[in-house]
Amino acid sequence: MDGMSNVTPVVIALLGAELVPAAAFGFAAERVAHTVGRWPFAIRIALPVILVVPYVVIAATQHMFRWPWFALYALLPVAMAWLLARAAAADPEQRGNWRDGLILLALGLAVDLRWLDSAWPAGLRGLNNLLLVDAGLYGFVAIRRLTGTGFDFHWRWSDWKTGLRELAFFAPAVLLLGLALGFLHPHFNVPGVGQAALTWAGIFVFVAVPEELFFRAWVQNLLERRVGRRTAFGIASVLFGLSHFNKRSVAFNWRYVLLATIAGIFYGRAWRERRRVPASAITHTCVDWLWSWWF
């Protein structure tokens, strides 16, 4: 599971706590947003300060607490909520506001360039990413009330049908190209059923859902309102590819960028068919899962 190892009972408890807000938005977004909307403005904006708690617990138990990190994790979710409240007021048509872009840029760079990783012990990067997911969901769903994201985990058969169809379309093309570029190196590895299932679930939770939420539900969704469906689709796919520029290399890894851009096309297709994050997350998870075992 990307970003999650060194698991202890404390880590498991914090993981469960961080999954609660994401699950609430995934299964009852309208209800949660309606409830939050009834609170006084100051409480709505200040509430996400509680997201500092996972950092405090981990840092205290690992003896690596630092006040600057505490301030960042306490203030960043609040700043996001305030900026998105301003965006909601300035852009009620939800065509995209500069504040939306600023937040997405900051989140994207922080994760991609690993600006926040040193705040966490080795193997617990996933907790940081889930914390940012919670902050983003609160801001964009409960405060901004952004529509059309598709972050809805009332599972449908169509999610699997769409996700697996895009996997079938994507796999042959990327396999041939990856082999031709010398990027893919096949090896035979047959995991046990339990290990395979756990790996799939880990990739889904810690990699696919956060990335699909960011690139499809937020970036592609907002871009569609500004530049149209096709252009937004292309831009989001390229941005997804570029976010992999430093993977497996200290230099610009153009092969990874190219293949990730192609992957982004199929993930974007899966999402926009019915605007469903679960559909694109299934394609994304299966690609990474197969890659982890056989390439």
C-alpha atoms as a PDB file:
ATOM      1  CA  MET A   1       0.000   0.000   0.000  1.00  0.00           C
ATOM      2  CA  ASP A   2       1.598   3.216  -1.185  1.00  0.00           C
ATOM      3  CA  GLY A   3       2.579   5.433   1.697  1.00  0.00           C
ATOM      4  CA  MET A   4       1.427   3.045   4.429  1.00  0.00           C
ATOM      5  CA  SER A   5       3.692   0.657   6.305  1.00  0.00           C
ATOM      6  CA  ASN A   6       5.017   0.564   9.869  1.00  0.00           C
ATOM      7  CA  VAL A   7       1.443  -0.018  11.010  1.00  0.00           C
ATOM      8  CA  THR A   8       0.735   0.002  14.766  1.00  0.00           C
ATOM      9  CA  PRO A   9      -2.534   0.053  16.760  1.00  0.00           C
ATOM     10  CA  VAL A  10      -2.254   3.843  17.012  1.00  0.00           C
ATOM     11  CA  VAL A  11      -1.820   4.121  13.247  1.00  0.00           C
ATOM     12  CA  ILE A  12      -4.811   1.836  12.642  1.00  0.00           C
ATOM     13  CA  ALA A  13      -6.945   3.972  14.960  1.00  0.00           C
ATOM     14  CA  LEU A  14      -5.888   7.176  13.190  1.00  0.00           C
ATOM     15  CA  LEU A  15      -6.473   5.595   9.804  1.00  0.00           C
ATOM     16  CA  GLY A  16      -9.994   4.704  10.855  1.00  0.00           C
ATOM     17  CA  ALA A  17     -10.559   8.230  12.141  1.00  0.00           C
ATOM     18  CA  GLU A  18      -9.331   9.768   8.872  1.00  0.00           C
ATOM     19  CA  LEU A  19     -11.516   7.469   6.807  1.00  0.00           C
ATOM     20  CA  VAL A  20     -14.663   8.554   8.676  1.00  0.00           C
ATOM     21  CA  PRO A  21     -14.968  12.023   7.021  1.00  0.00           C
ATOM     22  CA  ALA A  22     -14.176  10.595   3.573  1.00  0.00           C
ATOM     23  CA  ALA A  23     -16.805   7.887   4.063  1.00  0.00           C
ATOM     24  CA  ALA A  24     -19.333  10.460   5.270  1.00  0.00           C
ATOM     25  CA  PHE A  25     -18.880  12.491   2.103  1.00  0.00           C
ATOM     26  CA  GLY A  26     -18.799   9.360  -0.032  1.00  0.00           C
ATOM     27  CA  PHE A  27     -22.119   8.054   1.288  1.00  0.00           C
ATOM     28  CA  ALA A  28     -24.016  11.129   2.524  1.00  0.00           C
ATOM     29  CA  ALA A  29     -22.490  14.228   0.923  1.00  0.00           C
ATOM     30  CA  GLU A  30     -25.742  16.186   0.588  1.00  0.00           C
ATOM     31  CA  ARG A  31     -26.759  15.480   4.154  1.00  0.00           C
ATOM     32  CA  VAL A  32     -23.359  16.448   5.516  1.00  0.00           C
ATOM     33  CA  ALA A  33     -23.206  19.624   3.419  1.00  0.00           C
ATOM     34  CA  HIS A  34     -26.731  20.602   4.472  1.00  0.00           C
ATOM     35  CA  THR A  35     -25.873  20.092   8.140  1.00  0.00           C
ATOM     36  CA  VAL A  36     -22.653  22.103   7.894  1.00  0.00           C
ATOM     37  CA  GLY A  37     -24.489  24.859   6.037  1.00  0.00           C
ATOM     38  CA  ARG A  38     -26.766  25.433   9.050  1.00  0.00           C
ATOM     39  CA  TRP A  39     -23.874  26.240  11.376  1.00  0.00           C
ATOM     40  CA  PRO A  40     -22.617  29.788  12.050  1.00  0.00           C
ATOM     41  CA  PHE A  41     -19.993  30.913   9.544  1.00  0.00           C
ATOM     42  CA  ALA A  42     -17.169  31.046  12.086  1.00  0.00           C
ATOM     43  CA  ILE A  43     -17.777  27.449  13.182  1.00  0.00           C
ATOM     44  CA  ARG A  44     -17.980  26.221   9.582  1.00  0.00           C
ATOM     45  CA  ILE A  45     -14.618  27.782   8.778  1.00  0.00           C
ATOM     46  CA  ALA A  46     -12.868  26.822  12.025  1.00  0.00           C
ATOM     47  CA  LEU A  47     -14.099  23.224  12.247  1.00  0.00           C
ATOM     48  CA  PRO A  48     -11.411  21.622  10.027  1.00  0.00           C
ATOM     49  CA  VAL A  49      -8.754  22.687  12.540  1.00  0.00           C
ATOM     50  CA  ILE A  50      -9.449  19.286  14.140  1.00  0.00           C
ATOM     51  CA  LEU A  51      -7.586  17.713  11.223  1.00  0.00           C
ATOM     52  CA  VAL A  52      -4.378  18.634  13.051  1.00  0.00           C
ATOM     53  CA  VAL A  53      -5.077  15.802  15.511  1.00  0.00           C
ATOM     54  CA  PRO A  54      -3.586  12.945  13.425  1.00  0.00           C
ATOM     55  CA  TYR A  55      -0.337  14.871  13.099  1.00  0.00           C
ATOM     56  CA  VAL A  56      -0.239  15.627  16.834  1.00  0.00           C
ATOM     57  CA  VAL A  57      -0.822  11.998  17.816  1.00  0.00           C
ATOM     58  CA  ILE A  58       1.728  10.561  15.387  1.00  0.00           C
ATOM     59  CA  ALA A  59       4.322  13.236  16.073  1.00  0.00           C
ATOM     60  CA  ALA A  60       3.953  12.879  19.848  1.00  0.00           C
ATOM     61  CA  THR A  61       4.153   9.087  19.853  1.00  0.00           C
ATOM     62  CA  GLN A  62       7.149   9.137  17.483  1.00  0.00           C
ATOM     63  CA  HIS A  63       8.896  11.992  19.349  1.00  0.00           C
ATOM     64  CA  MET A  64       9.092  14.194  16.268  1.00  0.00           C
ATOM     65  CA  PHE A  65       6.627  16.979  17.098  1.00  0.00           C
ATOM     66  CA  ARG A  66       7.462  20.352  15.523  1.00  0.00           C
ATOM     67  CA  TRP A  67       5.513  23.557  16.058  1.00  0.00           C
ATOM     68  CA  PRO A  68       5.813  24.743  12.431  1.00  0.00           C
ATOM     69  CA  TRP A  69       4.202  21.502  11.219  1.00  0.00           C
ATOM     70  CA  PHE A  70       1.525  21.830  13.892  1.00  0.00           C
ATOM     71  CA  ALA A  71       0.750  25.364  12.689  1.00  0.00           C
ATOM     72  CA  LEU A  72       0.594  24.238   9.070  1.00  0.00           C
ATOM     73  CA  TYR A  73      -1.764  21.322   9.711  1.00  0.00           C
ATOM     74  CA  ALA A  74      -3.951  23.460  11.967  1.00  0.00           C
ATOM     75  CA  LEU A  75      -4.163  26.447   9.626  1.00  0.00           C
ATOM     76  CA  LEU A  76      -4.121  24.903   6.136  1.00  0.00           C
ATOM     77  CA  PRO A  77      -7.570  23.215   6.357  1.00  0.00           C
ATOM     78  CA  VAL A  78      -9.042  26.399   7.856  1.00  0.00           C
ATOM     79  CA  ALA A  79      -7.489  28.559   5.131  1.00  0.00           C
ATOM     80  CA  MET A  80      -8.867  26.200   2.488  1.00  0.00           C
ATOM     81  CA  ALA A  81     -12.349  26.417   3.979  1.00  0.00           C
ATOM     82  CA  TRP A  82     -12.197  30.229   4.112  1.00  0.00           C
ATOM     83  CA  LEU A  83     -10.930  30.554   0.539  1.00  0.00           C
ATOM     84  CA  LEU A  84     -13.587  28.172  -0.755  1.00  0.00           C
ATOM     85  CA  ALA A  85     -16.291  30.067   1.125  1.00  0.00           C
ATOM     86  CA  ARG A  86     -15.098  33.202  -0.665  1.00  0.00           C
ATOM     87  CA  ALA A  87     -15.047  31.296  -3.960  1.00  0.00           C
ATOM     88  CA  ALA A  88     -18.625  30.136  -3.399  1.00  0.00           C
ATOM     89  CA  ALA A  89     -19.735  33.720  -2.826  1.00  0.00           C
ATOM     90  CA  ALA A  90     -17.814  35.123  -5.804  1.00  0.00           C
ATOM     91  CA  ASP A  91     -18.704  32.286  -8.205  1.00  0.00           C
ATOM     92  CA  PRO A  92     -22.173  30.910  -7.452  1.00  0.00           C
ATOM     93  CA  GLU A  93     -22.391  29.514 -11.009  1.00  0.00           C
ATOM     94  CA  GLN A  94     -19.366  27.323 -10.183  1.00  0.00           C
ATOM     95  CA  ARG A  95     -17.468  28.160 -13.360  1.00  0.00           C
ATOM     96  CA  GLY A  96     -14.207  28.099 -11.433  1.00  0.00           C
ATOM     97  CA  ASN A  97     -12.574  30.813  -9.362  1.00  0.00           C
ATOM     98  CA  TRP A  98      -8.904  31.671  -8.874  1.00  0.00           C
ATOM     99  CA  ARG A  99      -9.213  30.450  -5.283  1.00  0.00           C
ATOM    100  CA  ASP A 100     -10.164  26.992  -6.537  1.00  0.00           C
ATOM    101  CA  GLY A 101      -7.070  26.965  -8.714  1.00  0.00           C
ATOM    102  CA  LEU A 102      -4.818  28.190  -5.915  1.00  0.00           C
ATOM    103  CA  ILE A 103      -5.953  25.414  -3.571  1.00  0.00           C
ATOM    104  CA  LEU A 104      -5.660  22.706  -6.218  1.00  0.00           C
ATOM    105  CA  LEU A 105      -2.188  23.928  -7.184  1.00  0.00           C
ATOM    106  CA  ALA A 106      -1.042  23.933  -3.559  1.00  0.00           C
ATOM    107  CA  LEU A 107      -2.445  20.466  -2.868  1.00  0.00           C
ATOM    108  CA  GLY A 108      -1.071  19.017  -6.085  1.00  0.00           C
ATOM    109  CA  LEU A 109       2.430  20.375  -5.584  1.00  0.00           C
ATOM    110  CA  ALA A 110       2.507  19.444  -1.897  1.00  0.00           C
ATOM    111  CA  VAL A 111       1.740  15.807  -2.676  1.00  0.00           C
ATOM    112  CA  ASP A 112       3.689  15.488  -5.916  1.00  0.00           C
ATOM    113  CA  LEU A 113       6.848  17.187  -4.625  1.00  0.00           C
ATOM    114  CA  ARG A 114       6.416  15.607  -1.190  1.00  0.00           C
ATOM    115  CA  TRP A 115       6.717  18.899   0.640  1.00  0.00           C
ATOM    116  CA  LEU A 116       4.997  17.512   3.739  1.00  0.00           C
ATOM    117  CA  ASP A 117       6.553  14.052   3.907  1.00  0.00           C
ATOM    118  CA  SER A 118       9.249  15.000   6.424  1.00  0.00           C
ATOM    119  CA  ALA A 119       6.531  15.748   8.986  1.00  0.00           C
ATOM    120  CA  TRP A 120       5.666  12.043   9.124  1.00  0.00           C
ATOM    121  CA  PRO A 121       7.587   8.907  10.081  1.00  0.00           C
ATOM    122  CA  ALA A 122       8.766   6.651   7.287  1.00  0.00           C
ATOM    123  CA  GLY A 123       5.935   4.495   5.977  1.00  0.00           C
ATOM    124  CA  LEU A 124       3.094   6.751   7.109  1.00  0.00           C
ATOM    125  CA  ARG A 125       2.825   9.126   4.164  1.00  0.00           C
ATOM    126  CA  GLY A 126      -0.645   7.735   3.481  1.00  0.00           C
ATOM    127  CA  LEU A 127      -1.984   9.385   6.635  1.00  0.00           C
ATOM    128  CA  ASN A 128      -0.864  12.765   5.325  1.00  0.00           C
ATOM    129  CA  ASN A 129      -2.541  12.179   1.967  1.00  0.00           C
ATOM    130  CA  LEU A 130      -5.812  11.100   3.590  1.00  0.00           C
ATOM    131  CA  LEU A 131      -5.705  14.169   5.812  1.00  0.00           C
ATOM    132  CA  LEU A 132      -5.449  16.372   2.722  1.00  0.00           C
ATOM    133  CA  VAL A 133      -8.307  14.427   1.123  1.00  0.00           C
ATOM    134  CA  ASP A 134     -10.473  15.137   4.177  1.00  0.00           C
ATOM    135  CA  ALA A 135      -9.565  18.842   4.085  1.00  0.00           C
ATOM    136  CA  GLY A 136     -10.332  19.017   0.379  1.00  0.00           C
ATOM    137  CA  LEU A 137     -13.628  17.188   0.684  1.00  0.00           C
ATOM    138  CA  TYR A 138     -14.759  19.428   3.518  1.00  0.00           C
ATOM    139  CA  GLY A 139     -13.831  22.553   1.585  1.00  0.00           C
ATOM    140  CA  PHE A 140     -15.129  21.620  -1.864  1.00  0.00           C
ATOM    141  CA  VAL A 141     -18.228  19.672  -0.794  1.00  0.00           C
ATOM    142  CA  ALA A 142     -19.392  21.147   2.514  1.00  0.00           C
ATOM    143  CA  ILE A 143     -18.273  24.763   1.953  1.00  0.00           C
ATOM    144  CA  ARG A 144     -17.975  25.269  -1.819  1.00  0.00           C
ATOM    145  CA  ARG A 145     -20.867  22.870  -2.516  1.00  0.00           C
ATOM    146  CA  LEU A 146     -19.186  21.855  -5.778  1.00  0.00           C
ATOM    147  CA  THR A 147     -21.511  19.774  -7.944  1.00  0.00           C
ATOM    148  CA  GLY A 148     -20.814  17.045 -10.465  1.00  0.00           C
ATOM    149  CA  THR A 149     -17.809  15.523  -8.699  1.00  0.00           C
ATOM    150  CA  GLY A 150     -19.112  11.960  -8.670  1.00  0.00           C
ATOM    151  CA  PHE A 151     -17.598  11.243  -5.262  1.00  0.00           C
ATOM    152  CA  ASP A 152     -20.405   8.829  -4.424  1.00  0.00           C
ATOM    153  CA  PHE A 153     -19.669   5.348  -3.136  1.00  0.00           C
ATOM    154  CA  HIS A 154     -23.133   3.880  -3.324  1.00  0.00           C
ATOM    155  CA  TRP A 155     -21.709   1.180  -5.554  1.00  0.00           C
ATOM    156  CA  ARG A 156     -23.303   0.448  -8.898  1.00  0.00           C
ATOM    157  CA  TRP A 157     -22.694  -2.361 -11.347  1.00  0.00           C
ATOM    158  CA  SER A 158     -22.058   0.325 -13.977  1.00  0.00           C
ATOM    159  CA  ASP A 159     -18.970   1.449 -12.035  1.00  0.00           C
ATOM    160  CA  TRP A 160     -17.400  -1.974 -12.481  1.00  0.00           C
ATOM    161  CA  LYS A 161     -18.600  -2.289 -16.067  1.00  0.00           C
ATOM    162  CA  THR A 162     -17.136   1.084 -17.038  1.00  0.00           C
ATOM    163  CA  GLY A 163     -13.959   0.704 -14.998  1.00  0.00           C
ATOM    164  CA  LEU A 164     -13.097  -2.744 -16.311  1.00  0.00           C
ATOM    165  CA  ARG A 165     -14.020  -1.810 -19.889  1.00  0.00           C
ATOM    166  CA  GLU A 166     -11.550   1.082 -19.838  1.00  0.00           C
ATOM    167  CA  LEU A 167      -8.939  -1.250 -18.371  1.00  0.00           C
ATOM    168  CA  ALA A 168      -9.478  -3.642 -21.294  1.00  0.00           C
ATOM    169  CA  PHE A 169      -9.087  -0.771 -23.779  1.00  0.00           C
ATOM    170  CA  PHE A 170      -6.019   0.654 -22.054  1.00  0.00           C
ATOM    171  CA  ALA A 171      -3.988  -2.455 -21.235  1.00  0.00           C
ATOM    172  CA  PRO A 172      -3.021  -3.651 -24.769  1.00  0.00           C
ATOM    173  CA  ALA A 173      -1.956  -0.199 -25.950  1.00  0.00           C
ATOM    174  CA  VAL A 174       0.128   0.664 -22.903  1.00  0.00           C
ATOM    175  CA  LEU A 175       1.622  -2.824 -22.760  1.00  0.00           C
ATOM    176  CA  LEU A 176       2.945  -2.609 -26.300  1.00  0.00           C
ATOM    177  CA  LEU A 177       4.158   0.969 -25.901  1.00  0.00           C
ATOM    178  CA  GLY A 178       5.701   0.319 -22.496  1.00  0.00           C
ATOM    179  CA  LEU A 179       7.623  -2.684 -23.784  1.00  0.00           C
ATOM    180  CA  ALA A 180       8.761  -0.778 -26.881  1.00  0.00           C
ATOM    181  CA  LEU A 181      10.072   2.084 -24.729  1.00  0.00           C
ATOM    182  CA  GLY A 182      11.849  -0.291 -22.357  1.00  0.00           C
ATOM    183  CA  PHE A 183       9.749   1.046 -19.500  1.00  0.00           C
ATOM    184  CA  LEU A 184       7.946  -2.197 -18.665  1.00  0.00           C
ATOM    185  CA  HIS A 185       9.905  -5.266 -17.595  1.00  0.00           C
ATOM    186  CA  PRO A 186       7.586  -8.282 -17.267  1.00  0.00           C
ATOM    187  CA  HIS A 187       8.186 -10.817 -14.518  1.00  0.00           C
ATOM    188  CA  PHE A 188       6.099 -13.725 -13.307  1.00  0.00           C
ATOM    189  CA  ASN A 189       4.576 -13.312  -9.868  1.00  0.00           C
ATOM    190  CA  VAL A 190       1.390 -14.984  -8.636  1.00  0.00           C
ATOM    191  CA  PRO A 191       0.287 -13.569  -5.265  1.00  0.00           C
ATOM    192  CA  GLY A 192      -1.902 -15.351  -2.773  1.00  0.00           C
ATOM    193  CA  VAL A 193      -5.572 -14.422  -2.816  1.00  0.00           C
ATOM    194  CA  GLY A 194      -5.408 -12.627   0.528  1.00  0.00           C
ATOM    195  CA  GLN A 195      -2.317 -10.653  -0.340  1.00  0.00           C
ATOM    196  CA  ALA A 196      -3.690  -9.748  -3.755  1.00  0.00           C
ATOM    197  CA  ALA A 197      -6.977  -8.527  -2.255  1.00  0.00           C
ATOM    198  CA  LEU A 198      -5.199  -6.491   0.430  1.00  0.00           C
ATOM    199  CA  THR A 199      -2.918  -4.902  -2.161  1.00  0.00           C
ATOM    200  CA  TRP A 200      -5.894  -4.017  -4.373  1.00  0.00           C
ATOM    201  CA  ALA A 201      -7.725  -2.430  -1.442  1.00  0.00           C
ATOM    202  CA  GLY A 202      -4.622  -0.507  -0.372  1.00  0.00           C
ATOM    203  CA  ILE A 203      -4.056   0.907  -3.851  1.00  0.00           C
ATOM    204  CA  PHE A 204      -7.746   1.822  -4.105  1.00  0.00           C
ATOM    205  CA  VAL A 205      -7.812   3.721  -0.798  1.00  0.00           C
ATOM    206  CA  PHE A 206      -4.386   5.349  -0.725  1.00  0.00           C
ATOM    207  CA  VAL A 207      -3.665   5.943  -4.413  1.00  0.00           C
ATOM    208  CA  ALA A 208      -6.590   5.625  -6.829  1.00  0.00           C
ATOM    209  CA  VAL A 209      -9.382   7.369  -4.925  1.00  0.00           C
ATOM    210  CA  PRO A 210      -7.278  10.392  -3.823  1.00  0.00           C
ATOM    211  CA  GLU A 211      -5.814  10.860  -7.305  1.00  0.00           C
ATOM    212  CA  GLU A 212      -9.141  10.400  -9.091  1.00  0.00           C
ATOM    213  CA  LEU A 213     -10.814  12.767  -6.655  1.00  0.00           C
ATOM    214  CA  PHE A 214      -8.165  15.388  -7.402  1.00  0.00           C
ATOM    215  CA  PHE A 215      -7.697  15.040 -11.158  1.00  0.00           C
ATOM    216  CA  ARG A 216     -11.204  14.100 -12.211  1.00  0.00           C
ATOM    217  CA  ALA A 217     -13.727  15.263  -9.591  1.00  0.00           C
ATOM    218  CA  TRP A 218     -11.990  18.586  -8.975  1.00  0.00           C
ATOM    219  CA  VAL A 219      -9.600  19.475 -11.817  1.00  0.00           C
ATOM    220  CA  GLN A 220     -11.416  18.003 -14.834  1.00  0.00           C
ATOM    221  CA  ASN A 221     -14.805  18.915 -13.386  1.00  0.00           C
ATOM    222  CA  LEU A 222     -13.916  22.586 -12.869  1.00  0.00           C
ATOM    223  CA  LEU A 223     -12.042  22.878 -16.159  1.00  0.00           C
ATOM    224  CA  GLU A 224     -15.090  21.622 -18.082  1.00  0.00           C
ATOM    225  CA  ARG A 225     -16.985  24.688 -16.926  1.00  0.00           C
ATOM    226  CA  ARG A 226     -14.297  27.009 -18.262  1.00  0.00           C
ATOM    227  CA  VAL A 227     -12.899  25.418 -21.416  1.00  0.00           C
ATOM    228  CA  GLY A 228     -15.402  22.745 -22.400  1.00  0.00           C
ATOM    229  CA  ARG A 229     -15.594  18.992 -22.035  1.00  0.00           C
ATOM    230  CA  ARG A 230     -12.980  17.927 -24.595  1.00  0.00           C
ATOM    231  CA  THR A 231     -10.344  20.492 -23.723  1.00  0.00           C
ATOM    232  CA  ALA A 232     -10.769  19.838 -20.009  1.00  0.00           C
ATOM    233  CA  PHE A 233     -10.391  16.132 -20.658  1.00  0.00           C
ATOM    234  CA  GLY A 234      -7.117  16.700 -22.492  1.00  0.00           C
ATOM    235  CA  ILE A 235      -5.691  19.139 -19.953  1.00  0.00           C
ATOM    236  CA  ALA A 236      -6.541  16.897 -16.996  1.00  0.00           C
ATOM    237  CA  SER A 237      -4.920  13.897 -18.718  1.00  0.00           C
ATOM    238  CA  VAL A 238      -1.722  15.844 -19.430  1.00  0.00           C
ATOM    239  CA  LEU A 239      -1.592  17.211 -15.887  1.00  0.00           C
ATOM    240  CA  PHE A 240      -2.010  13.689 -14.557  1.00  0.00           C
ATOM    241  CA  GLY A 241       0.878  12.553 -16.731  1.00  0.00           C
ATOM    242  CA  LEU A 242       3.104  15.440 -15.665  1.00  0.00           C
ATOM    243  CA  SER A 243       2.445  14.659 -12.001  1.00  0.00           C
ATOM    244  CA  HIS A 244       4.539  11.508 -12.553  1.00  0.00           C
ATOM    245  CA  PHE A 245       7.604  13.337 -13.860  1.00  0.00           C
ATOM    246  CA  ASN A 246       9.721  12.487 -10.813  1.00  0.00           C
ATOM    247  CA  LYS A 247       8.582   8.887 -10.294  1.00  0.00           C
ATOM    248  CA  ARG A 248      11.275   6.205 -10.446  1.00  0.00           C
ATOM    249  CA  SER A 249      13.852   8.826 -11.430  1.00  0.00           C
ATOM    250  CA  VAL A 250      15.661  11.863 -10.068  1.00  0.00           C
ATOM    251  CA  ALA A 251      15.393  13.478 -13.515  1.00  0.00           C
ATOM    252  CA  PHE A 252      12.380  14.154 -15.716  1.00  0.00           C
ATOM    253  CA  ASN A 253      11.016  10.676 -16.453  1.00  0.00           C
ATOM    254  CA  TRP A 254       9.439  11.311 -19.868  1.00  0.00           C
ATOM    255  CA  ARG A 255       8.505   7.649 -20.381  1.00  0.00           C
ATOM    256  CA  TYR A 256       6.499   7.608 -17.170  1.00  0.00           C
ATOM    257  CA  VAL A 257       4.890  10.947 -18.082  1.00  0.00           C
ATOM    258  CA  LEU A 258       3.879   9.647 -21.509  1.00  0.00           C
ATOM    259  CA  LEU A 259       2.383   6.397 -20.215  1.00  0.00           C
ATOM    260  CA  ALA A 260       0.680   8.160 -17.292  1.00  0.00           C
ATOM    261  CA  THR A 261      -0.844  10.692 -19.693  1.00  0.00           C
ATOM    262  CA  ILE A 262      -2.291   7.841 -21.753  1.00  0.00           C
ATOM    263  CA  ALA A 263      -3.549   6.241 -18.549  1.00  0.00           C
ATOM    264  CA  GLY A 264      -5.137   9.557 -17.608  1.00  0.00           C
ATOM    265  CA  ILE A 265      -7.090   9.521 -20.860  1.00  0.00           C
ATOM    266  CA  PHE A 266      -8.734   6.218 -19.958  1.00  0.00           C
ATOM    267  CA  TYR A 267      -9.271   7.206 -16.321  1.00  0.00           C
ATOM    268  CA  GLY A 268     -10.862  10.441 -17.524  1.00  0.00           C
ATOM    269  CA  ARG A 269     -13.100   8.512 -19.914  1.00  0.00           C
ATOM    270  CA  ALA A 270     -14.232   6.242 -17.098  1.00  0.00           C
ATOM    271  CA  TRP A 271     -15.058   9.201 -14.846  1.00  0.00           C
ATOM    272  CA  ARG A 272     -16.889  11.350 -17.351  1.00  0.00           C
ATOM    273  CA  GLU A 273     -19.144   8.578 -18.706  1.00  0.00           C
ATOM    274  CA  ARG A 274     -21.409   8.914 -15.676  1.00  0.00           C
ATOM    275  CA  ARG A 275     -19.282  11.326 -13.644  1.00  0.00           C
ATOM    276  CA  ARG A 276     -18.385   8.640 -11.131  1.00  0.00           C
ATOM    277  CA  VAL A 277     -15.136   8.560  -9.134  1.00  0.00           C
ATOM    278  CA  PRO A 278     -15.623   4.839  -8.291  1.00  0.00           C
ATOM    279  CA  ALA A 279     -15.542   3.968 -12.001  1.00  0.00           C
ATOM    280  CA  SER A 280     -12.248   5.731 -12.740  1.00  0.00           C
ATOM    281  CA  ALA A 281     -10.807   4.539  -9.424  1.00  0.00           C
ATOM    282  CA  ILE A 282     -11.505   0.929 -10.423  1.00  0.00           C
ATOM    283  CA  THR A 283      -9.607   1.351 -13.702  1.00  0.00           C
ATOM    284  CA  HIS A 284      -6.775   3.150 -11.901  1.00  0.00           C
ATOM    285  CA  THR A 285      -6.547   0.553  -9.145  1.00  0.00           C
ATOM    286  CA  CYS A 286      -6.517  -2.390 -11.541  1.00  0.00           C
ATOM    287  CA  VAL A 287      -3.749  -0.833 -13.654  1.00  0.00           C
ATOM    288  CA  ASP A 288      -1.532  -0.171 -10.620  1.00  0.00           C
ATOM    289  CA  TRP A 289      -2.387  -3.560  -9.117  1.00  0.00           C
ATOM    290  CA  LEU A 290      -1.459  -5.507 -12.236  1.00  0.00           C
ATOM    291  CA  TRP A 291       1.667  -3.435 -12.623  1.00  0.00           C
ATOM    292  CA  SER A 292       2.731  -4.142  -9.039  1.00  0.00           C
ATOM    293  CA  TRP A 293       2.668  -7.897  -9.624  1.00  0.00           C
ATOM    294  CA  TRP A 294       3.770  -8.374 -13.203  1.00  0.00           C
ATOM    295  CA  PHE A 295       5.750  -5.316 -14.265  1.00  0.00           C
END
